[in-house]
Full PDB file with SEQRES, HELIX, SHEET, SSBOND, CRYST1, ORIGX, SCALE, CONECT and MASTER records, all heavy atoms in Angstrom:
SEQRES   1 A   35  TYR LEU GLU ALA MET PHE GLU ASP ARG SER ILE THR PHE          
SEQRES   2 A   35  TYR GLN ASN ILE TYR ARG LEU ALA PRO SER HIS CYS LEU          
SEQRES   3 A   35  THR VAL SER SER HIS LYS PHE ARG LEU                          
SHEET    1 AA1 2 THR A  27  VAL A  28  0                                        
SHEET    2 AA1 2 PHE A  33  ARG A  34 -1                                        
CRYST1    1.000    1.000    1.000  90.00  90.00  90.00 P 1           1          
ORIGX1      1.000000  0.000000  0.000000        0.00000                         
ORIGX2      0.000000  1.000000  0.000000        0.00000                         
ORIGX3      0.000000  0.000000  1.000000        0.00000                         
SCALE1      1.000000  0.000000  0.000000        0.00000                         
SCALE2      0.000000  1.000000  0.000000        0.00000                         
SCALE3      0.000000  0.000000  1.000000        0.00000                         
ATOM      1  N   TYR A   1     118.018 115.822  97.535  1.00  0.00           N  
ATOM      2  CA  TYR A   1     118.715 117.013  97.109  1.00  0.00           C  
ATOM      3  C   TYR A   1     120.168 116.945  97.522  1.00  0.00           C  
ATOM      4  O   TYR A   1     121.111 117.172  96.800  1.00  0.00           O  
ATOM      5  CB  TYR A   1     118.106 118.251  97.744  1.00  0.00           C  
ATOM      6  CG  TYR A   1     118.781 119.595  97.242  1.00  0.00           C  
ATOM      7  CD1 TYR A   1     118.713 120.059  95.947  1.00  0.00           C  
ATOM      8  CD2 TYR A   1     119.542 120.266  98.226  1.00  0.00           C  
ATOM      9  CE1 TYR A   1     119.334 121.232  95.696  1.00  0.00           C  
ATOM     10  CE2 TYR A   1     120.091 121.522  97.923  1.00  0.00           C  
ATOM     11  CZ  TYR A   1     120.064 121.945  96.558  1.00  0.00           C  
ATOM     12  OH  TYR A   1     120.645 123.175  96.294  1.00  0.00           O  
ATOM     13  N   LEU A   2     120.423 116.547  98.781  1.00  0.00           N  
ATOM     14  CA  LEU A   2     121.752 116.394  99.355  1.00  0.00           C  
ATOM     15  C   LEU A   2     122.484 115.305  98.639  1.00  0.00           C  
ATOM     16  O   LEU A   2     123.843 115.264  98.505  1.00  0.00           O  
ATOM     17  CB  LEU A   2     121.701 116.196 100.786  1.00  0.00           C  
ATOM     18  CG  LEU A   2     121.100 117.463 101.708  1.00  0.00           C  
ATOM     19  CD1 LEU A   2     121.105 117.168 103.012  1.00  0.00           C  
ATOM     20  CD2 LEU A   2     121.984 118.635 101.462  1.00  0.00           C  
ATOM     21  N   GLU A   3     121.801 114.231  98.211  1.00  0.00           N  
ATOM     22  CA  GLU A   3     122.447 113.076  97.583  1.00  0.00           C  
ATOM     23  C   GLU A   3     122.528 113.246  96.034  1.00  0.00           C  
ATOM     24  O   GLU A   3     122.905 112.369  95.330  1.00  0.00           O  
ATOM     25  CB  GLU A   3     121.678 111.863  97.945  1.00  0.00           C  
ATOM     26  CG  GLU A   3     121.960 111.378  99.409  1.00  0.00           C  
ATOM     27  CD  GLU A   3     123.362 110.846  99.558  1.00  0.00           C  
ATOM     28  OE1 GLU A   3     124.087 110.549  98.583  1.00  0.00           O  
ATOM     29  OE2 GLU A   3     123.789 110.639 100.748  1.00  0.00           O  
ATOM     30  N   ALA A   4     121.971 114.315  95.454  1.00  0.00           N  
ATOM     31  CA  ALA A   4     121.942 114.596  94.062  1.00  0.00           C  
ATOM     32  C   ALA A   4     121.206 113.489  93.379  1.00  0.00           C  
ATOM     33  O   ALA A   4     121.692 112.918  92.388  1.00  0.00           O  
ATOM     34  CB  ALA A   4     123.239 114.763  93.504  1.00  0.00           C  
ATOM     35  N   MET A   5     120.013 113.039  93.916  1.00  0.00           N  
ATOM     36  CA  MET A   5     119.236 111.953  93.340  1.00  0.00           C  
ATOM     37  C   MET A   5     117.989 112.621  92.549  1.00  0.00           C  
ATOM     38  O   MET A   5     117.271 113.436  92.982  1.00  0.00           O  
ATOM     39  CB  MET A   5     118.666 111.037  94.332  1.00  0.00           C  
ATOM     40  CG  MET A   5     119.766 110.214  95.026  1.00  0.00           C  
ATOM     41  SD  MET A   5     119.148 108.720  95.880  1.00  0.00           S  
ATOM     42  CE  MET A   5     118.038 109.549  97.113  1.00  0.00           C  
ATOM     43  N   PHE A   6     117.799 112.152  91.252  1.00  0.00           N  
ATOM     44  CA  PHE A   6     116.816 112.750  90.411  1.00  0.00           C  
ATOM     45  C   PHE A   6     115.807 111.664  89.906  1.00  0.00           C  
ATOM     46  O   PHE A   6     114.989 112.043  89.074  1.00  0.00           O  
ATOM     47  CB  PHE A   6     117.446 113.389  89.171  1.00  0.00           C  
ATOM     48  CG  PHE A   6     118.498 114.431  89.485  1.00  0.00           C  
ATOM     49  CD1 PHE A   6     119.894 114.103  89.437  1.00  0.00           C  
ATOM     50  CD2 PHE A   6     118.115 115.756  89.771  1.00  0.00           C  
ATOM     51  CE1 PHE A   6     120.843 115.108  89.719  1.00  0.00           C  
ATOM     52  CE2 PHE A   6     119.037 116.781  90.074  1.00  0.00           C  
ATOM     53  CZ  PHE A   6     120.361 116.430  90.015  1.00  0.00           C  
ATOM     54  N   GLU A   7     115.968 110.493  90.502  1.00  0.00           N  
ATOM     55  CA  GLU A   7     115.118 109.460  89.949  1.00  0.00           C  
ATOM     56  C   GLU A   7     113.622 109.686  90.224  1.00  0.00           C  
ATOM     57  O   GLU A   7     112.797 109.166  89.421  1.00  0.00           O  
ATOM     58  CB  GLU A   7     115.480 108.097  90.585  1.00  0.00           C  
ATOM     59  CG  GLU A   7     116.808 107.492  89.953  1.00  0.00           C  
ATOM     60  CD  GLU A   7     118.061 108.122  90.595  1.00  0.00           C  
ATOM     61  OE1 GLU A   7     118.021 109.006  91.379  1.00  0.00           O  
ATOM     62  OE2 GLU A   7     119.129 107.653  90.064  1.00  0.00           O  
ATOM     63  N   ASP A   8     113.344 110.228  91.337  1.00  0.00           N  
ATOM     64  CA  ASP A   8     111.817 110.547  91.624  1.00  0.00           C  
ATOM     65  C   ASP A   8     111.441 111.841  90.933  1.00  0.00           C  
ATOM     66  O   ASP A   8     111.873 112.979  91.303  1.00  0.00           O  
ATOM     67  CB  ASP A   8     111.718 110.771  93.105  1.00  0.00           C  
ATOM     68  CG  ASP A   8     110.234 110.775  93.539  1.00  0.00           C  
ATOM     69  OD1 ASP A   8     109.306 111.085  92.645  1.00  0.00           O  
ATOM     70  OD2 ASP A   8     109.920 110.537  94.657  1.00  0.00           O  
ATOM     71  N   ARG A   9     110.775 111.730  89.791  1.00  0.00           N  
ATOM     72  CA  ARG A   9     110.515 112.853  88.937  1.00  0.00           C  
ATOM     73  C   ARG A   9     109.169 113.572  89.373  1.00  0.00           C  
ATOM     74  O   ARG A   9     108.902 114.656  88.717  1.00  0.00           O  
ATOM     75  CB  ARG A   9     110.365 112.305  87.488  1.00  0.00           C  
ATOM     76  CG  ARG A   9     111.598 111.900  86.840  1.00  0.00           C  
ATOM     77  CD  ARG A   9     111.336 110.977  85.633  1.00  0.00           C  
ATOM     78  NE  ARG A   9     112.528 110.662  84.961  1.00  0.00           N  
ATOM     79  CZ  ARG A   9     113.383 109.626  85.330  1.00  0.00           C  
ATOM     80  NH1 ARG A   9     113.066 108.982  86.444  1.00  0.00           N  
ATOM     81  NH2 ARG A   9     114.468 109.358  84.597  1.00  0.00           N  
ATOM     82  N   SER A  10     108.497 113.139  90.402  1.00  0.00           N  
ATOM     83  CA  SER A  10     107.324 113.804  90.814  1.00  0.00           C  
ATOM     84  C   SER A  10     107.431 114.506  92.138  1.00  0.00           C  
ATOM     85  O   SER A  10     106.530 115.415  92.532  1.00  0.00           O  
ATOM     86  CB  SER A  10     106.178 112.769  90.920  1.00  0.00           C  
ATOM     87  OG  SER A  10     106.436 111.841  91.923  1.00  0.00           O  
ATOM     88  N   ILE A  11     108.542 114.265  92.873  1.00  0.00           N  
ATOM     89  CA  ILE A  11     108.646 114.862  94.288  1.00  0.00           C  
ATOM     90  C   ILE A  11     108.984 116.369  94.148  1.00  0.00           C  
ATOM     91  O   ILE A  11     109.543 116.833  93.181  1.00  0.00           O  
ATOM     92  CB  ILE A  11     109.761 114.064  94.980  1.00  0.00           C  
ATOM     93  CG1 ILE A  11     109.692 114.345  96.471  1.00  0.00           C  
ATOM     94  CG2 ILE A  11     111.091 114.416  94.401  1.00  0.00           C  
ATOM     95  CD1 ILE A  11     110.557 113.464  97.344  1.00  0.00           C  
ATOM     96  N   THR A  12     108.531 117.064  95.148  1.00  0.00           N  
ATOM     97  CA  THR A  12     108.962 118.481  95.323  1.00  0.00           C  
ATOM     98  C   THR A  12     109.376 118.700  96.840  1.00  0.00           C  
ATOM     99  O   THR A  12     109.277 117.691  97.689  1.00  0.00           O  
ATOM    100  CB  THR A  12     107.778 119.519  95.005  1.00  0.00           C  
ATOM    101  OG1 THR A  12     106.805 119.437  96.156  1.00  0.00           O  
ATOM    102  CG2 THR A  12     107.165 119.161  93.803  1.00  0.00           C  
ATOM    103  N   PHE A  13     109.810 119.776  97.116  1.00  0.00           N  
ATOM    104  CA  PHE A  13     110.170 120.132  98.505  1.00  0.00           C  
ATOM    105  C   PHE A  13     108.990 120.285  99.476  1.00  0.00           C  
ATOM    106  O   PHE A  13     109.145 120.578 100.676  1.00  0.00           O  
ATOM    107  CB  PHE A  13     111.085 121.375  98.643  1.00  0.00           C  
ATOM    108  CG  PHE A  13     112.524 121.075  98.302  1.00  0.00           C  
ATOM    109  CD1 PHE A  13     112.976 121.001  97.121  1.00  0.00           C  
ATOM    110  CD2 PHE A  13     113.397 120.840  99.315  1.00  0.00           C  
ATOM    111  CE1 PHE A  13     114.338 120.760  96.746  1.00  0.00           C  
ATOM    112  CE2 PHE A  13     114.677 120.560  99.105  1.00  0.00           C  
ATOM    113  CZ  PHE A  13     115.248 120.525  97.769  1.00  0.00           C  
ATOM    114  N   TYR A  14     107.733 120.139  98.962  1.00  0.00           N  
ATOM    115  CA  TYR A  14     106.563 120.399  99.833  1.00  0.00           C  
ATOM    116  C   TYR A  14     105.737 119.145  99.753  1.00  0.00           C  
ATOM    117  O   TYR A  14     105.505 118.510  98.838  1.00  0.00           O  
ATOM    118  CB  TYR A  14     105.694 121.520  99.187  1.00  0.00           C  
ATOM    119  CG  TYR A  14     106.414 122.888  99.189  1.00  0.00           C  
ATOM    120  CD1 TYR A  14     107.192 123.285  98.103  1.00  0.00           C  
ATOM    121  CD2 TYR A  14     106.336 123.778 100.280  1.00  0.00           C  
ATOM    122  CE1 TYR A  14     107.832 124.528  98.079  1.00  0.00           C  
ATOM    123  CE2 TYR A  14     106.994 124.976 100.284  1.00  0.00           C  
ATOM    124  CZ  TYR A  14     107.757 125.314  99.228  1.00  0.00           C  
ATOM    125  OH  TYR A  14     108.367 126.590  99.191  1.00  0.00           O  
ATOM    126  N   GLN A  15     105.203 118.854 101.022  1.00  0.00           N  
ATOM    127  CA  GLN A  15     104.302 117.695 101.230  1.00  0.00           C  
ATOM    128  C   GLN A  15     102.950 117.911 100.364  1.00  0.00           C  
ATOM    129  O   GLN A  15     102.526 119.038 100.391  1.00  0.00           O  
ATOM    130  CB  GLN A  15     103.946 117.565 102.643  1.00  0.00           C  
ATOM    131  CG  GLN A  15     105.175 117.168 103.620  1.00  0.00           C  
ATOM    132  CD  GLN A  15     105.415 115.720 103.561  1.00  0.00           C  
ATOM    133  OE1 GLN A  15     104.750 114.933 102.768  1.00  0.00           O  
ATOM    134  NE2 GLN A  15     106.290 115.320 104.379  1.00  0.00           N  
ATOM    135  N   ASN A  16     102.637 116.946  99.677  1.00  0.00           N  
ATOM    136  CA  ASN A  16     101.306 116.943  98.931  1.00  0.00           C  
ATOM    137  C   ASN A  16     101.280 117.856  97.724  1.00  0.00           C  
ATOM    138  O   ASN A  16     100.270 118.049  97.056  1.00  0.00           O  
ATOM    139  CB  ASN A  16     100.187 117.378  99.836  1.00  0.00           C  
ATOM    140  CG  ASN A  16     100.018 116.389 101.011  1.00  0.00           C  
ATOM    141  OD1 ASN A  16     100.164 115.199 100.747  1.00  0.00           O  
ATOM    142  ND2 ASN A  16      99.683 116.906 102.184  1.00  0.00           N  
ATOM    143  N   ILE A  17     102.465 118.359  97.407  1.00  0.00           N  
ATOM    144  CA  ILE A  17     102.639 119.016  96.046  1.00  0.00           C  
ATOM    145  C   ILE A  17     103.531 118.178  95.137  1.00  0.00           C  
ATOM    146  O   ILE A  17     104.673 117.937  95.578  1.00  0.00           O  
ATOM    147  CB  ILE A  17     103.069 120.523  96.268  1.00  0.00           C  
ATOM    148  CG1 ILE A  17     102.026 121.268  97.016  1.00  0.00           C  
ATOM    149  CG2 ILE A  17     103.287 121.207  94.876  1.00  0.00           C  
ATOM    150  CD1 ILE A  17     102.441 122.731  97.273  1.00  0.00           C  
ATOM    151  N   TYR A  18     103.103 118.026  93.940  1.00  0.00           N  
ATOM    152  CA  TYR A  18     103.849 117.124  93.103  1.00  0.00           C  
ATOM    153  C   TYR A  18     104.002 117.681  91.679  1.00  0.00           C  
ATOM    154  O   TYR A  18     103.295 118.666  91.328  1.00  0.00           O  
ATOM    155  CB  TYR A  18     103.048 115.820  92.828  1.00  0.00           C  
ATOM    156  CG  TYR A  18     102.686 115.119  94.201  1.00  0.00           C  
ATOM    157  CD1 TYR A  18     101.469 115.410  94.677  1.00  0.00           C  
ATOM    158  CD2 TYR A  18     103.475 114.208  94.793  1.00  0.00           C  
ATOM    159  CE1 TYR A  18     101.116 114.754  95.940  1.00  0.00           C  
ATOM    160  CE2 TYR A  18     103.160 113.627  96.003  1.00  0.00           C  
ATOM    161  CZ  TYR A  18     101.962 113.892  96.599  1.00  0.00           C  
ATOM    162  OH  TYR A  18     101.545 113.374  97.712  1.00  0.00           O  
ATOM    163  N   ARG A  19     105.106 117.293  91.055  1.00  0.00           N  
ATOM    164  CA  ARG A  19     105.295 117.507  89.616  1.00  0.00           C  
ATOM    165  C   ARG A  19     104.503 116.510  88.840  1.00  0.00           C  
ATOM    166  O   ARG A  19     104.505 115.328  89.187  1.00  0.00           O  
ATOM    167  CB  ARG A  19     106.742 117.407  89.222  1.00  0.00           C  
ATOM    168  CG  ARG A  19     107.677 118.388  89.752  1.00  0.00           C  
ATOM    169  CD  ARG A  19     109.103 118.024  89.533  1.00  0.00           C  
ATOM    170  NE  ARG A  19     110.008 119.130  89.655  1.00  0.00           N  
ATOM    171  CZ  ARG A  19     110.468 119.489  90.923  1.00  0.00           C  
ATOM    172  NH1 ARG A  19     110.110 118.803  92.005  1.00  0.00           N  
ATOM    173  NH2 ARG A  19     111.304 120.579  91.019  1.00  0.00           N  
ATOM    174  N   LEU A  20     103.877 117.011  87.703  1.00  0.00           N  
ATOM    175  CA  LEU A  20     103.453 116.085  86.693  1.00  0.00           C  
ATOM    176  C   LEU A  20     104.671 115.786  85.878  1.00  0.00           C  
ATOM    177  O   LEU A  20     105.260 116.640  85.191  1.00  0.00           O  
ATOM    178  CB  LEU A  20     102.338 116.629  85.863  1.00  0.00           C  
ATOM    179  CG  LEU A  20     101.675 115.773  84.755  1.00  0.00           C  
ATOM    180  CD1 LEU A  20     101.181 114.426  85.261  1.00  0.00           C  
ATOM    181  CD2 LEU A  20     100.720 116.501  83.976  1.00  0.00           C  
ATOM    182  N   ALA A  21     105.116 114.456  85.894  1.00  0.00           N  
ATOM    183  CA  ALA A  21     106.370 114.165  85.222  1.00  0.00           C  
ATOM    184  C   ALA A  21     106.246 114.232  83.700  1.00  0.00           C  
ATOM    185  O   ALA A  21     105.175 114.181  83.191  1.00  0.00           O  
ATOM    186  CB  ALA A  21     106.727 112.646  85.551  1.00  0.00           C  
ATOM    187  N   PRO A  22     107.316 114.567  83.068  1.00  0.00           N  
ATOM    188  CA  PRO A  22     107.314 114.592  81.530  1.00  0.00           C  
ATOM    189  C   PRO A  22     106.678 113.247  80.951  1.00  0.00           C  
ATOM    190  O   PRO A  22     106.794 112.186  81.524  1.00  0.00           O  
ATOM    191  CB  PRO A  22     108.780 114.705  81.203  1.00  0.00           C  
ATOM    192  CG  PRO A  22     109.450 115.301  82.399  1.00  0.00           C  
ATOM    193  CD  PRO A  22     108.689 114.798  83.563  1.00  0.00           C  
ATOM    194  N   SER A  23     106.050 113.456  79.798  1.00  0.00           N  
ATOM    195  CA  SER A  23     105.472 112.329  79.096  1.00  0.00           C  
ATOM    196  C   SER A  23     104.327 111.641  79.906  1.00  0.00           C  
ATOM    197  O   SER A  23     103.945 110.486  79.574  1.00  0.00           O  
ATOM    198  CB  SER A  23     106.475 111.255  78.787  1.00  0.00           C  
ATOM    199  OG  SER A  23     107.555 111.764  78.037  1.00  0.00           O  
ATOM    200  N   HIS A  24     103.741 112.364  80.796  1.00  0.00           N  
ATOM    201  CA  HIS A  24     102.663 111.821  81.641  1.00  0.00           C  
ATOM    202  C   HIS A  24     101.374 112.655  81.409  1.00  0.00           C  
ATOM    203  O   HIS A  24     101.426 113.886  81.191  1.00  0.00           O  
ATOM    204  CB  HIS A  24     102.929 111.751  83.047  1.00  0.00           C  
ATOM    205  CG  HIS A  24     103.862 110.598  83.451  1.00  0.00           C  
ATOM    206  ND1 HIS A  24     105.136 110.541  83.105  1.00  0.00           N  
ATOM    207  CD2 HIS A  24     103.604 109.544  84.209  1.00  0.00           C  
ATOM    208  CE1 HIS A  24     105.699 109.494  83.566  1.00  0.00           C  
ATOM    209  NE2 HIS A  24     104.824 108.779  84.185  1.00  0.00           N  
ATOM    210  N   CYS A  25     100.262 112.002  81.589  1.00  0.00           N  
ATOM    211  CA  CYS A  25      98.952 112.667  81.570  1.00  0.00           C  
ATOM    212  C   CYS A  25      98.243 112.290  82.848  1.00  0.00           C  
ATOM    213  O   CYS A  25      98.518 111.186  83.417  1.00  0.00           O  
ATOM    214  CB  CYS A  25      98.088 112.348  80.341  1.00  0.00           C  
ATOM    215  SG  CYS A  25      97.775 110.659  79.929  1.00  0.00           S  
ATOM    216  N   LEU A  26      97.259 113.049  83.283  1.00  0.00           N  
ATOM    217  CA  LEU A  26      96.548 112.768  84.510  1.00  0.00           C  
ATOM    218  C   LEU A  26      95.101 113.054  84.322  1.00  0.00           C  
ATOM    219  O   LEU A  26      94.659 114.081  83.745  1.00  0.00           O  
ATOM    220  CB  LEU A  26      97.110 113.663  85.588  1.00  0.00           C  
ATOM    221  CG  LEU A  26      96.552 113.752  86.934  1.00  0.00           C  
ATOM    222  CD1 LEU A  26      96.583 112.502  87.699  1.00  0.00           C  
ATOM    223  CD2 LEU A  26      97.248 114.932  87.770  1.00  0.00           C  
ATOM    224  N   THR A  27      94.270 112.107  84.802  1.00  0.00           N  
ATOM    225  CA  THR A  27      92.725 112.391  84.842  1.00  0.00           C  
ATOM    226  C   THR A  27      92.293 112.396  86.246  1.00  0.00           C  
ATOM    227  O   THR A  27      92.620 111.415  86.940  1.00  0.00           O  
ATOM    228  CB  THR A  27      92.063 111.266  83.957  1.00  0.00           C  
ATOM    229  OG1 THR A  27      92.642 111.142  82.700  1.00  0.00           O  
ATOM    230  CG2 THR A  27      90.634 111.539  83.920  1.00  0.00           C  
ATOM    231  N   VAL A  28      91.456 113.385  86.580  1.00  0.00           N  
ATOM    232  CA  VAL A  28      91.017 113.569  87.965  1.00  0.00           C  
ATOM    233  C   VAL A  28      89.560 113.794  87.967  1.00  0.00           C  
ATOM    234  O   VAL A  28      88.990 114.680  87.177  1.00  0.00           O  
ATOM    235  CB  VAL A  28      91.764 114.769  88.641  1.00  0.00           C  
ATOM    236  CG1 VAL A  28      91.328 114.817  90.108  1.00  0.00           C  
ATOM    237  CG2 VAL A  28      93.269 114.535  88.690  1.00  0.00           C  
ATOM    238  N   SER A  29      88.769 113.058  88.702  1.00  0.00           N  
ATOM    239  CA  SER A  29      87.367 113.309  89.015  1.00  0.00           C  
ATOM    240  C   SER A  29      87.148 113.151  90.544  1.00  0.00           C  
ATOM    241  O   SER A  29      88.025 112.831  91.278  1.00  0.00           O  
ATOM    242  CB  SER A  29      86.484 112.345  88.120  1.00  0.00           C  
ATOM    243  OG  SER A  29      86.649 111.117  88.608  1.00  0.00           O  
ATOM    244  N   SER A  30      86.013 113.238  90.884  1.00  0.00           N  
ATOM    245  CA  SER A  30      85.594 113.073  92.304  1.00  0.00           C  
ATOM    246  C   SER A  30      85.857 111.694  92.826  1.00  0.00           C  
ATOM    247  O   SER A  30      86.078 111.400  94.001  1.00  0.00           O  
ATOM    248  CB  SER A  30      84.164 113.537  92.539  1.00  0.00           C  
ATOM    249  OG  SER A  30      83.312 112.646  91.814  1.00  0.00           O  
ATOM    250  N   HIS A  31      85.930 110.754  91.892  1.00  0.00           N  
ATOM    251  CA  HIS A  31      86.111 109.291  92.380  1.00  0.00           C  
ATOM    252  C   HIS A  31      87.333 108.678  91.712  1.00  0.00           C  
ATOM    253  O   HIS A  31      87.508 107.517  91.940  1.00  0.00           O  
ATOM    254  CB  HIS A  31      84.850 108.524  91.960  1.00  0.00           C  
ATOM    255  CG  HIS A  31      84.510 108.502  90.514  1.00  0.00           C  
ATOM    256  ND1 HIS A  31      83.841 109.557  89.895  1.00  0.00           N  
ATOM    257  CD2 HIS A  31      84.882 107.685  89.504  1.00  0.00           C  
ATOM    258  CE1 HIS A  31      83.754 109.275  88.671  1.00  0.00           C  
ATOM    259  NE2 HIS A  31      84.301 108.149  88.386  1.00  0.00           N  
ATOM    260  N   LYS A  32      88.136 109.455  90.868  1.00  0.00           N  
ATOM    261  CA  LYS A  32      89.237 108.840  90.146  1.00  0.00           C  
ATOM    262  C   LYS A  32      90.444 109.693  90.195  1.00  0.00           C  
ATOM    263  O   LYS A  32      90.341 110.976  90.031  1.00  0.00           O  
ATOM    264  CB  LYS A  32      88.700 108.456  88.779  1.00  0.00           C  
ATOM    265  CG  LYS A  32      89.794 107.870  87.826  1.00  0.00           C  
ATOM    266  CD  LYS A  32      89.211 107.497  86.467  1.00  0.00           C  
ATOM    267  CE  LYS A  32      88.683 108.705  85.654  1.00  0.00           C  
ATOM    268  NZ  LYS A  32      88.158 108.290  84.322  1.00  0.00           N  
ATOM    269  N   PHE A  33      91.579 109.146  90.282  1.00  0.00           N  
ATOM    270  CA  PHE A  33      92.856 109.771  90.048  1.00  0.00           C  
ATOM    271  C   PHE A  33      93.713 108.822  89.275  1.00  0.00           C  
ATOM    272  O   PHE A  33      94.249 107.880  89.811  1.00  0.00           O  
ATOM    273  CB  PHE A  33      93.500 110.176  91.439  1.00  0.00           C  
ATOM    274  CG  PHE A  33      94.819 110.922  91.310  1.00  0.00           C  
ATOM    275  CD1 PHE A  33      94.826 112.227  91.268  1.00  0.00           C  
ATOM    276  CD2 PHE A  33      96.028 110.210  91.199  1.00  0.00           C  
ATOM    277  CE1 PHE A  33      96.084 112.935  91.161  1.00  0.00           C  
ATOM    278  CE2 PHE A  33      97.248 110.934  91.063  1.00  0.00           C  
ATOM    279  CZ  PHE A  33      97.170 112.217  91.050  1.00  0.00           C  
ATOM    280  N   ARG A  34      93.911 109.129  87.998  1.00  0.00           N  
ATOM    281  CA  ARG A  34      94.636 108.135  87.119  1.00  0.00           C  
ATOM    282  C   ARG A  34      95.836 108.792  86.524  1.00  0.00           C  
ATOM    283  O   ARG A  34      95.657 109.822  85.597  1.00  0.00           O  
ATOM    284  CB  ARG A  34      93.732 107.583  86.092  1.00  0.00           C  
ATOM    285  CG  ARG A  34      94.433 106.532  85.145  1.00  0.00           C  
ATOM    286  CD  ARG A  34      93.512 105.939  84.174  1.00  0.00           C  
ATOM    287  NE  ARG A  34      92.550 105.142  84.830  1.00  0.00           N  
ATOM    288  CZ  ARG A  34      91.441 104.620  84.281  1.00  0.00           C  
ATOM    289  NH1 ARG A  34      91.147 104.845  83.050  1.00  0.00           N  
ATOM    290  NH2 ARG A  34      90.581 103.881  85.088  1.00  0.00           N  
ATOM    291  N   LEU A  35      97.040 108.448  86.919  1.00  0.00           N  
ATOM    292  CA  LEU A  35      98.232 109.055  86.327  1.00  0.00           C  
ATOM    293  C   LEU A  35      98.827 107.918  85.333  1.00  0.00           C  
ATOM    294  O   LEU A  35      98.985 106.814  85.607  1.00  0.00           O  
ATOM    295  CB  LEU A  35      99.225 109.253  87.398  1.00  0.00           C  
ATOM    296  CG  LEU A  35     100.614 109.851  87.043  1.00  0.00           C  
ATOM    297  CD1 LEU A  35     100.456 111.244  86.486  1.00  0.00           C  
ATOM    298  CD2 LEU A  35     101.536 109.890  88.288  1.00  0.00           C  
TER     299      LEU A  35                                                      
MASTER        0    0    0    0    2    0    0    6  298    1    0    3          
END                                                                             
C-alpha cells in the first residue's frame, strides 16, 4: 500500500483472507484447493 504496488491481486490487509482475482475460478473440497 505504501509503495502503491497492485501486482498481487489476491492479497488483503488481513492474514489468511484473500481476494479471488478477476478472471479466476476456485474449486474447494476437503482434499483439494484448485485456483
